Protein backbone atom coordinates (compact mmCIF):
# COMPACT_ATOMS: atom_id res chain seq x y z
CA UNK A 1 122.87 -126.37 43.87
CA UNK A 2 120.28 -125.75 47.01
CA UNK A 3 116.16 -125.79 44.93
CA UNK A 4 113.49 -124.16 46.82
CA UNK A 5 109.98 -125.36 45.04
CA UNK A 6 107.47 -121.84 43.94
CA UNK A 7 104.15 -122.55 44.82
CA UNK A 8 101.70 -120.23 43.29
CA UNK A 9 97.87 -119.95 43.10
CA UNK A 10 97.38 -119.49 39.69
CA UNK A 11 94.61 -120.57 37.63
CA UNK A 12 94.64 -123.49 35.04
CA UNK A 13 96.18 -122.68 31.77
CA UNK A 14 98.97 -122.47 29.82
CA UNK A 15 100.38 -118.54 30.69
CA UNK A 16 100.91 -115.92 28.14
CA UNK A 17 104.32 -113.94 27.29
CA UNK A 18 102.60 -111.23 26.04
CA UNK A 19 101.90 -108.17 28.19
CA UNK A 20 104.57 -109.55 30.04
CA UNK A 21 107.74 -107.81 31.61
CA UNK A 22 107.60 -105.14 28.70
CA UNK A 23 108.72 -102.39 30.94
CA UNK A 24 110.92 -100.65 29.13
CA UNK A 25 114.13 -98.77 30.97
CA UNK A 26 112.92 -95.86 32.87
CA UNK A 27 110.41 -97.84 33.19
CA UNK A 28 110.26 -98.73 37.47
CA UNK A 29 108.44 -102.51 39.21
CA UNK A 30 105.85 -102.25 42.79
CA UNK A 31 107.75 -103.73 45.87
CA UNK A 32 108.85 -107.35 46.77
CA UNK A 33 105.05 -107.85 47.81
CA UNK A 34 102.06 -106.24 46.53
CA UNK A 35 98.57 -105.69 47.72
CA UNK A 36 95.83 -105.58 45.46
CA UNK A 37 92.55 -104.03 47.49
CA UNK A 38 89.19 -104.58 46.26
CA UNK A 39 85.87 -103.43 47.02
CA UNK A 40 82.55 -105.59 47.40
CA UNK A 41 78.87 -104.75 48.83
CA UNK A 42 80.89 -101.72 51.45
CA UNK A 43 83.09 -103.94 52.32
CA UNK A 44 86.41 -103.15 51.61
CA UNK A 45 89.18 -106.57 51.67
CA UNK A 46 92.90 -106.48 50.12
CA UNK A 47 94.52 -108.89 49.11
CA UNK A 48 98.16 -108.79 49.98
CA UNK A 49 100.33 -111.57 47.53
CA UNK A 50 103.40 -112.42 48.43
CA UNK A 51 106.48 -112.74 46.95
CA UNK A 52 108.89 -114.87 46.69
CA UNK A 53 112.65 -114.10 49.17
CA UNK A 54 115.22 -112.91 47.39
CA UNK A 55 117.50 -115.53 45.68
CA UNK A 56 121.63 -116.46 46.04
CA UNK A 57 124.25 -116.66 42.61
CA UNK A 58 123.83 -119.78 42.59
CA UNK A 59 120.62 -120.87 43.89
CA UNK A 60 117.54 -122.40 41.35
CA UNK A 61 113.71 -122.07 42.06
CA UNK A 62 111.46 -124.87 40.81
CA UNK A 63 107.57 -122.62 39.08
CA UNK A 64 104.22 -124.02 39.37
CA UNK A 65 104.68 -125.46 35.70
CA UNK A 66 108.34 -127.67 36.56
CA UNK A 67 110.89 -124.99 35.10
CA UNK A 68 114.12 -124.82 36.76
CA UNK A 69 115.37 -121.06 36.72
CA UNK A 70 118.79 -119.72 38.07
CA UNK A 71 121.25 -116.85 37.72
CA UNK A 72 124.91 -118.32 38.09
CA UNK A 73 127.00 -115.93 38.02
CA UNK A 74 127.02 -111.76 37.32
CA UNK A 75 129.31 -109.30 36.78
CA UNK A 76 129.70 -105.85 34.61
CA UNK A 77 132.05 -105.12 31.12
CA UNK A 78 132.39 -102.09 29.55
CA UNK A 79 131.17 -103.90 26.06
CA UNK A 80 129.65 -107.91 24.80
CA UNK A 81 129.48 -109.84 21.72
CA UNK A 82 126.58 -109.60 20.35
CA UNK A 83 125.58 -113.14 18.77
CA UNK A 84 123.92 -113.00 16.29
CA UNK A 85 124.06 -113.07 12.31
CA UNK A 86 127.58 -112.05 12.66
CA UNK A 87 129.28 -111.20 15.73
CA UNK A 88 130.59 -107.31 16.73
CA UNK A 89 131.49 -105.76 19.44
CA UNK A 90 129.12 -103.69 21.40
CA UNK A 91 130.17 -100.25 22.70
CA UNK A 92 127.38 -97.57 24.33
CA UNK A 93 128.56 -94.70 25.47
CA UNK A 94 126.71 -93.73 28.49
CA UNK A 95 126.14 -97.04 29.60
CA UNK A 96 128.29 -100.78 30.93
CA UNK A 97 126.44 -104.15 30.81
CA UNK A 98 125.27 -106.62 33.38
CA UNK A 99 126.26 -110.16 31.93
CA UNK A 100 124.78 -112.53 33.94
CA UNK A 101 125.30 -116.88 33.22
CA UNK A 102 121.52 -117.81 32.76
CA UNK A 103 119.14 -120.40 32.51
CA UNK A 104 115.03 -121.92 31.92
CA UNK A 105 115.27 -125.22 32.49
CA UNK A 106 112.39 -127.68 31.49
CA UNK A 107 112.92 -131.12 34.59
CA UNK A 108 109.97 -133.07 31.63
CA UNK A 109 111.94 -134.31 28.71
CA UNK A 110 107.60 -133.11 27.29
CA UNK A 111 107.92 -130.20 24.66
CA UNK A 112 106.40 -127.43 25.17
CA UNK A 113 106.60 -126.15 21.37
CA UNK A 114 110.27 -124.35 22.42
CA UNK A 115 108.77 -121.77 25.17
CA UNK A 116 111.13 -122.20 27.13
CA UNK A 117 113.55 -121.38 25.52
CA UNK A 118 111.80 -117.48 24.74
CA UNK A 119 111.70 -117.67 28.89
CA UNK A 120 115.06 -115.47 28.91
CA UNK A 121 113.45 -112.65 27.54
CA UNK A 122 111.61 -112.20 30.63
CA UNK A 123 115.31 -111.58 32.75
CA UNK A 124 115.72 -108.32 33.63
CA UNK A 125 118.17 -106.51 36.14
CA UNK A 126 115.83 -103.96 38.95
CA UNK A 127 118.51 -100.03 40.42
CA UNK A 128 115.81 -99.32 42.47
CA UNK A 129 113.23 -99.81 41.22
CA UNK A 130 113.71 -99.63 38.17
CA UNK A 131 114.07 -102.32 34.86
CA UNK A 132 116.54 -102.55 32.17
CA UNK A 133 115.51 -104.56 29.82
CA UNK A 134 118.52 -106.98 27.45
CA UNK A 135 119.95 -105.56 24.34
CA UNK A 136 121.35 -109.01 23.05
CA UNK A 137 122.71 -113.21 23.92
CA UNK A 138 126.13 -111.88 24.56
CA UNK A 139 129.22 -114.40 23.75
CA UNK A 140 131.91 -115.96 27.14
CA UNK A 141 135.64 -113.76 25.72
CA UNK A 142 136.43 -112.94 29.39
CA UNK A 143 137.17 -115.77 30.32
CA UNK A 144 138.46 -118.56 27.46
CA UNK A 145 138.78 -120.70 30.01
CA UNK A 146 135.82 -121.67 30.43
CA UNK A 147 132.37 -122.35 29.76
CA UNK A 148 128.84 -120.93 31.01
CA UNK A 149 126.46 -123.46 32.76
CA UNK A 150 123.37 -121.61 31.07
CA UNK A 151 123.65 -118.55 28.52
CA UNK A 152 124.77 -115.16 28.65
CA UNK A 153 122.17 -111.76 28.71
CA UNK A 154 123.35 -107.87 28.05
CA UNK A 155 121.89 -105.98 29.96
CA UNK A 156 122.85 -102.59 29.30
CA UNK A 157 122.63 -100.55 32.16
CA UNK A 158 123.40 -96.15 33.18
CA UNK A 159 127.12 -95.75 34.26
CA UNK A 160 124.75 -94.43 37.51
CA UNK A 161 125.20 -95.17 41.34
CA UNK A 162 122.74 -97.76 41.89
CA UNK A 163 121.96 -98.71 46.23
CA UNK A 164 119.29 -102.00 44.82
CA UNK A 165 120.41 -104.48 42.28
CA UNK A 166 119.18 -107.18 41.34
CA UNK A 167 118.85 -110.05 38.46
CA UNK A 168 114.90 -110.95 37.52
CA UNK A 169 113.18 -112.60 36.27
CA UNK A 170 108.69 -112.99 36.04
CA UNK A 171 106.54 -114.73 33.90
CA UNK A 172 103.43 -113.69 33.06
CA UNK A 173 101.24 -113.70 36.36
CA UNK A 174 103.86 -115.40 38.22
CA UNK A 175 105.60 -113.71 41.80
CA UNK A 176 108.68 -112.37 40.16
CA UNK A 177 112.04 -114.35 41.07
CA UNK A 178 115.36 -111.80 42.66
CA UNK A 179 118.67 -112.26 42.50
CA UNK A 180 120.81 -109.39 44.72
CA UNK A 181 123.97 -108.71 43.22
CA UNK A 182 126.98 -107.65 45.68
CA UNK A 183 129.12 -103.72 46.86
CA UNK A 184 131.33 -105.31 43.92
CA UNK A 185 128.90 -105.34 41.37
CA UNK A 186 126.82 -102.41 42.50
CA UNK A 187 130.51 -100.67 42.40
CA UNK A 188 130.81 -101.10 38.96
CA UNK A 189 127.68 -100.46 37.88
CA UNK A 190 129.17 -96.78 39.43
CA UNK A 191 132.34 -96.24 37.82
CA UNK A 192 133.04 -97.19 34.17
CA UNK A 193 136.65 -96.98 32.32
CA UNK A 194 137.28 -95.41 29.47
CA UNK A 195 139.33 -96.83 27.08
CA UNK A 196 141.90 -94.45 23.69
CA UNK A 197 143.32 -96.02 21.51
CA UNK A 198 146.86 -94.90 21.33
CA UNK A 199 148.47 -96.49 18.87
CA UNK A 200 147.98 -99.40 16.43
CA UNK A 201 150.95 -100.61 14.50
CA UNK A 202 150.89 -103.76 12.12
CA UNK A 203 153.85 -104.84 9.58
CA UNK A 204 154.21 -103.18 6.59
CA UNK A 205 154.74 -106.22 4.28
CA UNK A 206 154.59 -109.84 5.48
CA UNK A 207 154.67 -113.22 2.57
CA UNK A 208 151.62 -114.75 2.51
CA UNK A 209 150.69 -117.57 5.14
CA UNK A 210 153.26 -116.20 7.64
CA UNK A 211 151.63 -115.30 10.96
CA UNK A 212 152.58 -112.33 11.64
CA UNK A 213 151.99 -109.87 15.16
CA UNK A 214 149.77 -106.54 15.34
CA UNK A 215 150.49 -103.90 18.62
CA UNK A 216 147.95 -102.38 20.23
CA UNK A 217 148.63 -99.05 22.73
CA UNK A 218 145.80 -98.42 24.68
CA UNK A 219 145.08 -96.49 26.88
CA UNK A 220 142.32 -96.38 30.45
CA UNK A 221 141.39 -92.98 30.93
CA UNK A 222 138.22 -94.02 32.42
CA UNK A 223 137.28 -94.42 36.56
CA UNK A 224 138.34 -97.56 37.31
CA UNK A 225 140.40 -101.18 36.02
CA UNK A 226 138.22 -102.58 33.36
CA UNK A 227 139.38 -104.79 30.31
CA UNK A 228 138.99 -103.38 26.27
CA UNK A 229 137.49 -105.25 24.02
CA UNK A 230 137.96 -105.28 20.37
CA UNK A 231 137.83 -107.32 17.67
CA UNK A 232 140.97 -107.43 15.30
CA UNK A 233 141.64 -109.13 11.58
CA UNK A 234 140.79 -109.07 7.95
CA UNK A 235 138.33 -107.30 6.59
CA UNK A 236 138.31 -110.40 3.87
CA UNK A 237 136.61 -112.72 6.70
CA UNK A 238 132.95 -112.28 8.44
CA UNK A 239 133.49 -112.67 11.42
CA UNK A 240 137.24 -111.36 12.87
CA UNK A 241 138.91 -112.79 16.17
CA UNK A 242 138.62 -110.93 19.54
CA UNK A 243 140.90 -110.05 21.62
CA UNK A 244 140.47 -108.67 24.91
CA UNK A 245 142.98 -107.28 27.54
CA UNK A 246 142.25 -106.32 31.01
CA UNK A 247 143.63 -102.15 31.55
CA UNK A 248 143.92 -100.82 35.33
CA UNK A 249 142.78 -97.27 35.35
CA UNK A 250 145.01 -94.23 34.54
CA UNK A 251 147.50 -96.76 32.65
CA UNK A 252 148.57 -97.37 29.24
CA UNK A 253 149.37 -100.63 27.99
CA UNK A 254 151.54 -101.63 24.91
CA UNK A 255 149.33 -105.17 23.38
CA UNK A 256 150.66 -108.00 20.72
CA UNK A 257 148.18 -109.70 19.10
CA UNK A 258 149.18 -113.29 17.04
CA UNK A 259 148.00 -112.67 13.67
CA UNK A 260 146.83 -115.52 10.92
CA UNK A 261 146.39 -113.76 7.67
CA UNK A 262 143.32 -115.04 5.18
CA UNK A 263 144.45 -113.67 2.00
CA UNK A 264 141.77 -113.57 -1.00
CA UNK A 265 143.28 -115.76 -4.09
CA UNK A 266 145.07 -113.40 -5.93
CA UNK A 267 145.04 -110.21 -3.93
CA UNK A 268 148.93 -108.06 -3.44
CA UNK A 269 147.21 -106.83 0.45
CA UNK A 270 145.51 -107.32 3.49
CA UNK A 271 143.36 -105.03 5.20
CA UNK A 272 142.95 -105.77 8.47
CA UNK A 273 140.52 -103.44 11.28
CA UNK A 274 140.36 -102.96 14.84
CA UNK A 275 137.09 -102.70 16.29
CA UNK A 276 135.98 -101.49 19.94
CA UNK A 277 132.02 -101.24 18.80
CA UNK A 278 132.19 -96.98 19.65
CA UNK A 279 135.45 -96.42 16.69
CA UNK A 280 137.45 -98.55 14.69
CA UNK A 281 140.67 -98.34 13.29
CA UNK A 282 142.46 -99.87 9.25
CA UNK A 283 146.01 -101.06 8.22
CA UNK A 284 146.80 -102.24 5.04
CA UNK A 285 149.87 -104.60 5.03
CA UNK A 286 151.58 -105.43 1.45
CA UNK A 287 151.55 -109.40 0.41
CA UNK A 288 154.26 -110.93 -1.00
CA UNK A 289 153.14 -113.07 -3.96
CA UNK A 290 157.26 -114.62 -3.86
CA UNK A 291 155.19 -118.32 -2.58
CA UNK A 292 153.07 -120.30 -5.52
CA UNK A 293 150.58 -121.16 -3.19
CA UNK A 294 147.31 -118.74 -1.81
CA UNK A 295 145.17 -119.00 0.62
CA UNK A 296 141.74 -118.95 -0.32
CA UNK A 297 139.09 -117.76 2.32
CA UNK A 298 135.97 -119.79 2.35
CA UNK A 299 132.78 -118.57 2.50
């Protein structure tokens, strides 16, 4: 990984988090180099603050106070999984999510009161000079075979054509860092998949503790290929597993998902939910009492 040292002429003292990047969606930012004009005794002095050059994905900056800031990767998803008290699929009708794999690491082992862990809030996605803040931390779902290099942030953005797209980071008065995103990301922002669930089928009855299959049929009626993201599982547990199905634009896919039963002791039925953020469907399955052992769900 290449590193650059970012030299800044800042006054001594700690940087304040308050009022840093409080720009809300629709807030424009200045150009990469800004000019501040001040007047002293009849003369005008132009002070130019040079911003660092754009970075490539995977490239790190070292800030003046010893932090290494990296955007490892970025891509576009129609939906994300929000991580909080409970995990839920989030889908916004007129938005997509730019998902960025980022990290802010302090090289030294000295503590800073957890401030490094809060600096992820300084990341933005910049679209033609307008900043869009993050929504929530999102869980890695699209590729289950590997882990993110840092942690994932989701940025809701409009489905529109933009010429300049970048992930940006700025802490207080420090120079603004930018990681431009390529034409593929810009194209995916401009066109969104749209999913219609055409079917959700489960068995009429199952034996207690017996795994079974649920079948869903989903059509992509949108403008590009994309992943249909949903939760599928029992309503008796707080966090149901997620599934992700890639569906080409204009096509309909039938997908079968293995379901492990979570049946409360003494219950004679199981309710399954398919929740894709913008809507949900429920199905009820009768549970046989032929087996003497019950599955007790632990909370």
